[in-house]
Amino acid sequence: MSKLNLSNKCSSKISVYFRQSANFSEFKNSESWIVLSPIEKQIKKKIEQFGTPLKDWDIRINYGIKTGFNEAFIIDSFKRKQLIEEDPKSAEIIRPLLRGRDIKRYSYEFADLYLITTFPSLKINIENYPAVKEHLVSFGYDRLKQTGDKGARKKTNNQWFETQDSISYWEDFSKQKIIYPNMTKYLPFLYDDKEFLTNQKCFIITGKNVEFLTAFFNSSLFKYCFRDNFPELQGGTRELSKIFLDKIPVLQVSENINLDYKKLVLKVQELKNKQLPTREIEIDKKIFELYSLTEEEKNTIGYVEIQ
């Protein structure tokens, strides 16, 4: 067979393949888009029709805490113990901290780190906390001041011993909330009822039905339908910024349904490192039923394990 005939035969097979495998996709605006198979489009359309965009939910999404100088404001357990021994009042403004890298799916790895919570919005008098003041001063006033000078923190109206941002929403950290990293390969979400603070590598969600939202965000359905809604960065990392999460449509549930999911979420987090993901699959099945998925749709999604 000549090279020309072989080439024509290959081209013919490719043409047949494309005709048989092609899917029709319609792009109506300039927003980002992805190509989906008919069953994928069917599932995604159903989920979107059921849901309400998160921007219309009764929730708040806030950044973690930006100190402008983590080396001074984030301390380990040894330093925390030392400061409290020197002055017991220090315990009032030192709280446990989770970072973006510490957040896992339904769990966390506490790195034994703590944050000095001298938020400007708290209007703390540093003279009331001499041990903490001495600790901060040891890093040098010129490094801590917020003047924008070379070697100092960026220019703000805050005092030298205060964190860089005002953290006017500081009370939200004491509420039941969702914590998730701002950039991640794995899309992990943690339900927190232990009043952790977080660094700037995290977001927190407070408000209505955060227990159900934790289950939904960790579900196979969420990952299957919405993983590609978040921009992919270098190395497969995805950006979970508020502007992208706000657009995700999620089914709004009753308080009773939310309480059911709260029990499941707490049990999963309690047993997370002690068993196979049986209970996570149980949550998946409940969410499949909640969205009235067909057997074909359930089987198409399967169990999406992104740890």
Protein backbone atom coordinates (compact mmCIF):
# COMPACT_ATOMS: atom_id res chain seq x y z
CA MET A 1 0.00 0.00 0.00
CA SER A 2 1.39 3.39 -0.96
CA LYS A 3 2.02 6.07 1.63
CA LEU A 4 -0.74 8.17 0.04
CA ASN A 5 -3.35 5.40 0.34
CA LEU A 6 -2.27 4.67 3.92
CA SER A 7 -2.59 8.34 4.78
CA ASN A 8 -6.08 8.53 3.22
CA LYS A 9 -7.18 5.41 5.12
CA CYS A 10 -5.96 6.86 8.43
CA SER A 11 -7.69 10.19 7.73
CA SER A 12 -10.92 8.32 6.98
CA LYS A 13 -10.77 6.44 10.29
CA ILE A 14 -10.08 9.66 12.18
CA SER A 15 -13.06 11.33 10.49
CA VAL A 16 -15.33 8.44 11.46
CA TYR A 17 -14.05 8.58 15.05
CA PHE A 18 -14.76 12.30 15.36
CA ARG A 19 -18.25 11.92 13.87
CA GLN A 20 -19.08 9.14 16.31
CA SER A 21 -17.52 10.79 19.37
CA ALA A 22 -18.46 14.42 18.77
CA ASN A 23 -20.62 16.29 21.29
CA PHE A 24 -22.54 19.46 20.61
CA SER A 25 -21.67 22.27 23.01
CA GLU A 26 -23.11 25.78 23.07
CA PHE A 27 -21.14 28.74 24.45
CA LYS A 28 -23.34 31.76 25.04
CA ASN A 29 -21.00 34.20 26.77
CA SER A 30 -17.37 35.08 27.37
CA GLU A 31 -17.08 33.19 30.67
CA SER A 32 -14.78 30.17 30.96
CA TRP A 33 -16.18 26.95 29.50
CA ILE A 34 -15.51 23.22 29.42
CA VAL A 35 -16.50 20.49 26.96
CA LEU A 36 -18.80 17.84 28.47
CA SER A 37 -20.32 14.57 27.31
CA PRO A 38 -24.14 14.33 27.12
CA ILE A 39 -24.40 12.55 30.51
CA GLU A 40 -22.04 15.07 32.11
CA LYS A 41 -24.09 17.97 30.77
CA GLN A 42 -27.26 16.25 31.98
CA ILE A 43 -25.92 15.91 35.52
CA LYS A 44 -24.48 19.41 35.70
CA LYS A 45 -27.69 20.97 34.33
CA LYS A 46 -29.79 19.13 36.92
CA ILE A 47 -27.57 20.22 39.80
CA GLU A 48 -27.52 23.83 38.64
CA GLN A 49 -31.33 23.90 38.25
CA PHE A 50 -31.77 22.62 41.82
CA GLY A 51 -29.31 25.08 43.31
CA THR A 52 -29.08 28.67 44.49
CA PRO A 53 -25.74 30.49 43.95
CA LEU A 54 -23.83 30.74 47.20
CA LYS A 55 -23.71 34.53 46.88
CA ASP A 56 -27.47 34.42 47.59
CA TRP A 57 -27.14 32.19 50.65
CA ASP A 58 -27.19 33.51 54.21
CA ILE A 59 -23.46 32.94 54.66
CA ARG A 60 -20.28 34.98 54.90
CA ILE A 61 -16.96 34.09 53.30
CA ASN A 62 -13.88 35.77 54.75
CA TYR A 63 -10.13 35.52 54.36
CA GLY A 64 -7.90 34.18 57.10
CA ILE A 65 -5.73 36.54 59.12
CA LYS A 66 -2.95 38.59 57.54
CA THR A 67 -0.39 39.66 60.10
CA GLY A 68 2.16 41.21 57.78
CA PHE A 69 4.89 39.51 59.83
CA ASN A 70 4.09 35.90 60.68
CA GLU A 71 7.41 35.25 62.39
CA ALA A 72 6.40 37.58 65.21
CA PHE A 73 2.70 36.84 65.51
CA ILE A 74 2.64 33.06 64.96
CA ILE A 75 4.24 31.13 67.81
CA ASP A 76 4.68 27.48 68.77
CA SER A 77 3.42 25.77 71.91
CA PHE A 78 6.74 26.24 73.72
CA LYS A 79 6.66 30.02 73.28
CA ARG A 80 2.96 30.09 74.19
CA LYS A 81 3.64 28.25 77.43
CA GLN A 82 6.55 30.57 78.18
CA LEU A 83 4.47 33.72 77.66
CA ILE A 84 1.60 32.42 79.82
CA GLU A 85 4.00 31.43 82.61
CA GLU A 86 5.46 34.94 82.55
CA ASP A 87 2.01 36.53 82.49
CA PRO A 88 -1.19 34.44 82.73
CA LYS A 89 -3.16 37.23 81.01
CA SER A 90 -1.26 36.38 77.79
CA ALA A 91 -3.62 33.43 77.34
CA GLU A 92 -6.43 35.89 76.59
CA ILE A 93 -4.89 36.92 73.27
CA ILE A 94 -3.25 33.68 72.10
CA ARG A 95 -5.39 31.21 70.14
CA PRO A 96 -4.74 27.99 68.16
CA LEU A 97 -4.12 28.41 64.43
CA LEU A 98 -4.67 26.28 61.32
CA ARG A 99 -2.89 27.02 58.05
CA GLY A 100 -3.97 26.16 54.53
CA ARG A 101 -1.63 23.17 54.42
CA ASP A 102 -3.16 21.80 57.64
CA ILE A 103 -6.67 21.40 56.19
CA LYS A 104 -7.69 17.93 55.02
CA ARG A 105 -10.96 16.46 53.83
CA TYR A 106 -13.07 16.29 57.00
CA SER A 107 -9.93 16.61 59.13
CA TYR A 108 -6.86 18.67 59.96
CA GLU A 109 -3.29 18.26 61.14
CA PHE A 110 -2.66 20.69 63.98
CA ALA A 111 0.93 21.91 63.75
CA ASP A 112 0.93 23.16 67.35
CA LEU A 113 0.93 26.80 66.23
CA TYR A 114 -0.81 29.75 67.83
CA LEU A 115 -1.62 33.33 66.84
CA ILE A 116 -1.21 36.47 68.90
CA THR A 117 -4.56 38.16 68.32
CA THR A 118 -3.75 41.84 68.58
CA PHE A 119 -6.36 42.74 65.97
CA PRO A 120 -6.86 46.51 65.49
CA SER A 121 -10.64 46.03 65.73
CA LEU A 122 -10.18 44.72 69.31
CA LYS A 123 -8.47 47.96 70.39
CA ILE A 124 -6.10 46.09 72.70
CA ASN A 125 -3.87 47.99 75.12
CA ILE A 126 -0.56 46.17 74.76
CA GLU A 127 0.58 47.48 78.16
CA ASN A 128 -1.90 45.04 79.71
CA TYR A 129 0.07 42.14 78.21
CA PRO A 130 3.73 42.77 79.16
CA ALA A 131 5.02 39.32 78.19
CA VAL A 132 3.49 39.52 74.74
CA LYS A 133 4.77 43.07 74.33
CA GLU A 134 8.30 41.97 75.20
CA HIS A 135 8.06 39.10 72.72
CA LEU A 136 6.98 41.41 69.90
CA VAL A 137 9.53 44.09 70.76
CA SER A 138 12.27 41.46 70.41
CA PHE A 139 11.68 41.53 66.64
CA GLY A 140 12.39 45.26 66.52
CA TYR A 141 10.07 48.23 66.29
CA ASP A 142 11.36 49.18 62.83
CA ARG A 143 10.35 45.77 61.48
CA LEU A 144 6.92 45.78 63.13
CA LYS A 145 5.83 49.36 62.44
CA GLN A 146 3.22 49.78 59.72
CA THR A 147 4.60 52.77 57.86
CA GLY A 148 5.49 51.27 54.51
CA ASP A 149 9.17 52.13 55.07
CA LYS A 150 11.83 49.80 53.75
CA GLY A 151 12.02 46.74 56.00
CA ALA A 152 8.74 47.59 57.76
CA ARG A 153 5.23 46.33 57.17
CA LYS A 154 2.96 47.96 54.60
CA LYS A 155 1.49 51.34 55.43
CA THR A 156 -1.73 51.21 57.51
CA ASN A 157 -3.27 53.22 60.34
CA ASN A 158 -2.64 50.34 62.75
CA GLN A 159 -0.23 50.36 65.66
CA TRP A 160 3.12 48.57 65.65
CA PHE A 161 1.93 45.68 67.85
CA GLU A 162 -1.28 45.05 65.90
CA THR A 163 -1.88 42.70 63.00
CA GLN A 164 -1.79 44.15 59.50
CA ASP A 165 -5.53 43.89 58.80
CA SER A 166 -8.22 45.10 61.19
CA ILE A 167 -10.07 41.71 61.25
CA SER A 168 -13.44 43.35 61.95
CA TYR A 169 -15.03 39.90 61.55
CA TRP A 170 -12.92 38.39 64.35
CA GLU A 171 -16.04 37.04 66.09
CA ASP A 172 -16.70 34.74 63.11
CA PHE A 173 -13.69 32.65 64.10
CA SER A 174 -15.51 31.67 67.31
CA LYS A 175 -18.56 30.47 65.39
CA GLN A 176 -19.20 27.09 63.81
CA LYS A 177 -17.63 27.42 60.40
CA ILE A 178 -16.09 25.82 57.35
CA ILE A 179 -12.36 26.18 56.78
CA TYR A 180 -10.79 25.54 53.40
CA PRO A 181 -7.46 26.43 51.72
CA ASN A 182 -7.40 29.23 49.17
CA MET A 183 -5.28 27.14 46.77
CA THR A 184 -5.29 23.35 46.68
CA LYS A 185 -5.10 20.25 44.49
CA TYR A 186 -7.49 18.31 46.68
CA LEU A 187 -10.55 20.49 47.46
CA PRO A 188 -10.62 19.70 51.22
CA PHE A 189 -13.20 21.28 53.54
CA LEU A 190 -13.27 21.11 57.34
CA TYR A 191 -16.20 21.75 59.68
CA ASP A 192 -14.79 23.59 62.69
CA ASP A 193 -16.55 23.90 66.04
CA LYS A 194 -13.33 24.33 68.05
CA GLU A 195 -12.83 28.05 67.37
CA PHE A 196 -9.60 27.76 65.38
CA LEU A 197 -8.11 30.85 63.81
CA THR A 198 -6.67 30.57 60.29
CA ASN A 199 -3.88 32.25 58.40
CA GLN A 200 -4.19 34.10 55.09
CA LYS A 201 -3.89 30.83 53.16
CA CYS A 202 -7.45 29.91 54.16
CA PHE A 203 -11.01 31.07 53.80
CA ILE A 204 -13.74 30.62 56.41
CA ILE A 205 -17.50 30.31 55.82
CA THR A 206 -19.97 31.15 58.57
CA GLY A 207 -23.75 31.38 58.53
CA LYS A 208 -26.73 29.16 57.85
CA ASN A 209 -26.42 25.42 57.18
CA VAL A 210 -22.62 25.27 57.10
CA GLU A 211 -22.82 21.64 58.23
CA PHE A 212 -24.68 20.62 55.08
CA LEU A 213 -22.35 22.77 52.98
CA THR A 214 -19.35 20.93 54.47
CA ALA A 215 -20.86 17.63 53.36
CA PHE A 216 -21.73 18.97 49.92
CA PHE A 217 -18.28 20.50 49.30
CA ASN A 218 -16.58 17.24 50.31
CA SER A 219 -18.95 15.14 48.22
CA SER A 220 -18.23 13.36 44.97
CA LEU A 221 -21.07 15.34 43.39
CA PHE A 222 -19.40 18.68 44.10
CA LYS A 223 -16.03 17.53 42.78
CA TYR A 224 -17.55 15.92 39.70
CA CYS A 225 -19.68 18.94 38.76
CA PHE A 226 -17.67 21.92 39.90
CA ARG A 227 -13.97 21.12 40.15
CA ASP A 228 -13.38 22.77 36.78
CA ASN A 229 -15.19 25.93 37.91
CA PHE A 230 -12.03 26.84 39.80
CA PRO A 231 -9.05 28.02 37.72
CA GLU A 232 -6.21 25.54 37.47
CA LEU A 233 -2.82 26.98 38.31
CA GLN A 234 0.68 25.59 37.96
CA GLY A 235 1.10 22.02 39.18
CA GLY A 236 -2.59 21.19 39.14
CA THR A 237 -3.43 23.52 42.03
CA ARG A 238 -6.83 25.18 41.91
CA GLU A 239 -7.79 28.62 43.18
CA LEU A 240 -10.82 28.53 45.49
CA SER A 241 -11.28 32.28 45.83
CA LYS A 242 -14.60 33.73 46.95
CA ILE A 243 -15.39 35.10 43.49
CA PHE A 244 -15.47 31.56 42.11
CA LEU A 245 -17.18 29.85 45.06
CA ASP A 246 -19.90 32.52 45.10
CA LYS A 247 -21.14 31.30 41.71
CA ILE A 248 -21.59 27.64 42.72
CA PRO A 249 -25.32 26.74 42.87
CA VAL A 250 -26.23 24.57 45.87
CA LEU A 251 -29.58 23.16 46.94
CA GLN A 252 -30.90 25.01 49.98
CA VAL A 253 -32.06 22.64 52.71
CA SER A 254 -34.25 22.84 55.80
CA GLU A 255 -32.89 23.14 59.32
CA ASN A 256 -33.87 19.53 60.05
CA ILE A 257 -31.99 18.22 57.01
CA ASN A 258 -28.99 20.32 58.00
CA LEU A 259 -29.04 18.75 61.48
CA ASP A 260 -29.01 15.28 59.89
CA TYR A 261 -25.91 16.21 57.93
CA LYS A 262 -24.30 17.76 61.00
CA LYS A 263 -24.46 14.39 62.77
CA LEU A 264 -22.90 12.66 59.76
CA VAL A 265 -20.16 15.27 59.35
CA LEU A 266 -19.20 15.16 63.03
CA LYS A 267 -19.06 11.36 62.95
CA VAL A 268 -16.90 11.33 59.81
CA GLN A 269 -14.50 13.86 61.32
CA GLU A 270 -14.34 11.91 64.58
CA LEU A 271 -13.46 8.67 62.76
CA LYS A 272 -11.63 10.15 59.78
CA ASN A 273 -8.25 8.54 60.42
CA LYS A 274 -9.59 5.28 61.82
CA GLN A 275 -11.55 3.66 59.00
CA LEU A 276 -12.13 3.35 55.27
CA PRO A 277 -14.35 6.07 53.72
CA THR A 278 -17.57 4.13 54.41
CA ARG A 279 -19.31 7.08 56.04
CA GLU A 280 -18.14 9.48 53.34
CA ILE A 281 -19.76 7.20 50.76
CA GLU A 282 -22.90 7.21 52.93
CA ILE A 283 -22.95 11.03 52.70
CA ASP A 284 -22.45 10.79 48.93
CA LYS A 285 -25.49 8.52 48.65
CA LYS A 286 -27.64 10.85 50.74
CA ILE A 287 -26.68 13.80 48.54
CA PHE A 288 -27.38 11.76 45.39
CA GLU A 289 -30.86 11.08 46.75
CA LEU A 290 -31.34 14.69 47.79
CA TYR A 291 -30.75 15.74 44.18
CA SER A 292 -32.93 12.89 42.81
CA LEU A 293 -30.16 11.46 40.64
CA THR A 294 -30.92 8.45 38.46
CA GLU A 295 -28.96 5.21 38.78
CA GLU A 296 -27.12 6.06 35.57
CA GLU A 297 -26.16 9.46 36.94
CA LYS A 298 -25.03 7.98 40.27
CA ASN A 299 -22.91 5.36 38.54
CA THR A 300 -21.42 7.95 36.20
CA ILE A 301 -20.25 10.07 39.14
CA GLY A 302 -19.13 7.18 41.33
CA TYR A 303 -16.94 7.91 44.36
CA VAL A 304 -14.52 10.75 43.61
CA GLU A 305 -11.66 10.44 46.07
CA ILE A 306 -9.45 13.54 46.05
CA GLN A 307 -7.64 13.53 49.38
